[in-house]
Amino acid sequence: MISSAPVTHEGAIEIVAAVAELFANLKDLFENCGAAPSARSPAEAELRSFPSPKLVQAAYSQGGILIEAAADHAVAFVRTATEPVLTVAPWACVRAQLEACALAAWLLDPALEVRSRVQRSLAFRYEGLSQQRALGNVARDPGSVAKATARIDGLERTSLDLGYPQLRNQKGERDGVAQRMPSITRLIAETLDEEVTYRLLSALAHGHPWALTQASFEALRTDDANVASAAGTDEDTYPIKKSLNTAAVGYLCVIATTSLARPVTYRCKLFGWDTDRVREICGSAVRKIGPLGHLGSQSHHSGAAP
C-alpha cells in the first residue's frame, strides 16, 4: 500500500511548508472577504427568499464552524507529522478532519436549494441535541436532559411549521427532525469520495492491529528482544517498530488538502467570493506535496473542489 521509505528531515520540512502556506493563504483570503455574503451572491438570495432567515444563517454558521474545526485538525496533523514524528496520531487527525469537512460540505453545497439546506441544518441540530440528552442521561443530570428535550421539542415545532415531515420510527419514537441524519461514513463517501480512506483511518483510530501494523509500524528482522512483537497470522509472529514513512505522510497531506478544499470552495461559491483563488491556493499545495504523496496523487486531482 505505502512504500517503506523513512520520513526524512527534508521531506518533513517540505510538507510543513506546503501545508502551512496553504493555511496562511486561505486565512488571508477569508480575512479579505469578510464574514458576510457578497451582494447578489447565492447566499444573499437565500437569506432574502426564505421565510426564516435566521435558520439559513444557522446553516451557514454550522458550516463555518466545521471548516474552522477541520483546519484545526489539519494543523494538528502537520505538527504530529513533523520531526519528532508520531506514527499513529497523524491518521487520527486526518480522520477527524474528514468528518468535519464532509459535514461542512453537506451543509454548504451551493447546488442545494435553500429549503434543503435548512432541512439538513435542522437534522444536524437534532443530532447534536440528542447527543446532549444522551450525555445528560449518562451523567445522571436530569436538568440537562430536560433542557435538551425541551429544545428538541421546540426544534421539531419549527420544522413542522415549515412543512417538513414528522419523523417517527416503527415504535412511534421520534428519530429525527426535518430529515434523518445520514451516517458520517455515508456523508464522507458522498461529499468527499473518501470512504476507503475513512474506513482505514477509523480502523487505526479504533486500535485494530491489522491497520496499525500496516500504517504505523514496520516489520523488522532483528534479534533485539526489546523490539515489540506483533502476530501476523496464527502461525507467524514478527518483530515491529513504530514508523511513518514518507509515502504515508505525503498521502495524508494530499487527503488533508483536498478534503479541506471542498467545503472552502463551496462556501466561496455560496457567498460570492473568489473561487478561482481557492483553486489556485489548494492546487499549488497539492502540487508541492505531490513528489512526497505519490500514492495520493494517483487517485486525487491536483486542484480544489469543483
Foldseek 3Di string as FASTA:
>chain_A
DFDPAFDDQVLLVLLLVLVVLLVVLLVVQDVVVDDFFDPPFLLVVLLVPDPDSVLLVLLVVLLVVLLVLLVVLVVVLSVCCHPVHAQQSNLLSLLSSLLSLLLSLCLLASVDRNVVNSLQSLQVVLVVLVVQLVVCVVVVNVVSNVVSVVVNVVSQVVQVVSPQDQDADPVRHGQTHSDHHDDSLVSSCVQPVCNVSNVLSVCSVVPPVVSCCVRFKDFDDDPDPPFDWDDPDPVDITGIDTGHRLQNSLLSSLSSLQSSLNSSLSNCNRRVGDSVSSFVSSLSSNVSSCVSHVVNCVPDPSTYDD
